[in-house]
Amino acid sequence: MFSAVIALVGALVYGSADFLGGLAARRLKAVVVTATAAGSGLLLLLIAAPFFGGTWNREDVIWGALSGIAGAAAIGLLYACLAIGPMSILSPLTAVVAAIAPMMWGLLVDGESLASVGYVGLALAVVAVVLVGFVPGQKTVRPSALGVAMATGSGLSIGAFLILINQTADSSGLIPLVMNRAVNAAITGSIVGVLMLVALRRGQSPTAPLRPHRAGTVRRAWLLAIACGVTDAVANVLLLVALRDGQLSIVSALTALYPAGTILLAALVLRERIALVQGLGLALAVAAGALLAIA
């Protein structure tokens, strides 16, 4: 029960990080937001790691680093597929694949088993992921093969991140997450560096890629990006705690409900209306969480 609750809370925190990142991306380039968030998250994890203890060993360092590569790939593919659209199809597709891939790994490879009520909960969670991730108000457009491939790749990369982090030993503390965030920061930071070099070659200021889209929003843009990274790091810690206490199949299904956090914050802060289908998804998410908590 504890792991299910922590996983659900972690999903909401992940959604909150996405909300903050989305606001920051309205003012800064998405890759700049991602790199800044990776840096602030890494700093928080470095500060917190000694309090969690942990023993450094090669295996856990490698698993953590590989999960960082998977995480960077997931973000890149997600942004790319959402840019192609339609979001109403590709967004829930990404979330469903992200839920099912590690869920099946846990059940078929790791040999996890659940009570009957647990399988009902998993089914409800998958349906909830689709409904919560649905973006209403768009005309029905058939997605391209490239868009579907990128959405599937993003979902598989998210699933790979969960599977890889789950391979780490309990004795490693937050070390795998530190490596994850360090690799992520290195990849996204390198991309920002390339953009700065390109700007320099074009005769522009090397800081041009770092400037906000609108004047007068410099401090707010950077604060949002930093807050996104801190919030995402907290979500990662909650995920790690849930994985070490519970089963991958349950934790992955509940973590995939992260859009719920974004939707709720958008409704509270931006006064965006929650669509009926999304409200139904939120209700199913609560029901799925309750069933998985007692599975």
Foldseek 3Di string as FASTA:
>chain_A
DVLLVLLLVLLLLLLVLVLLLVVLCLWAPSLLLQLLLLVLLLVVCVVCQVVQAFDDDDLLLVLLLVLLVLLLLLVVLVVVLVVQDDQQPLQLLLLLLLQVLLLCCQCPVVVDDDDPLLVVLLVLLSLLSNLQSGDPDDDDDDGDPSSSVSSNSSSVSSNSSLVSLLPDDSRGGCSSVSSSSVNNSVVSVVVLQVCLVVCVVVVHHSCVNVGTPDPPCNVVSSVSSSVSSNSNSVSVNSLSVSSVVDTSNSSSSSSSSSNVSNVVCCCVPVVDDQDPSSVVSVVSSVVSSVSNVVD
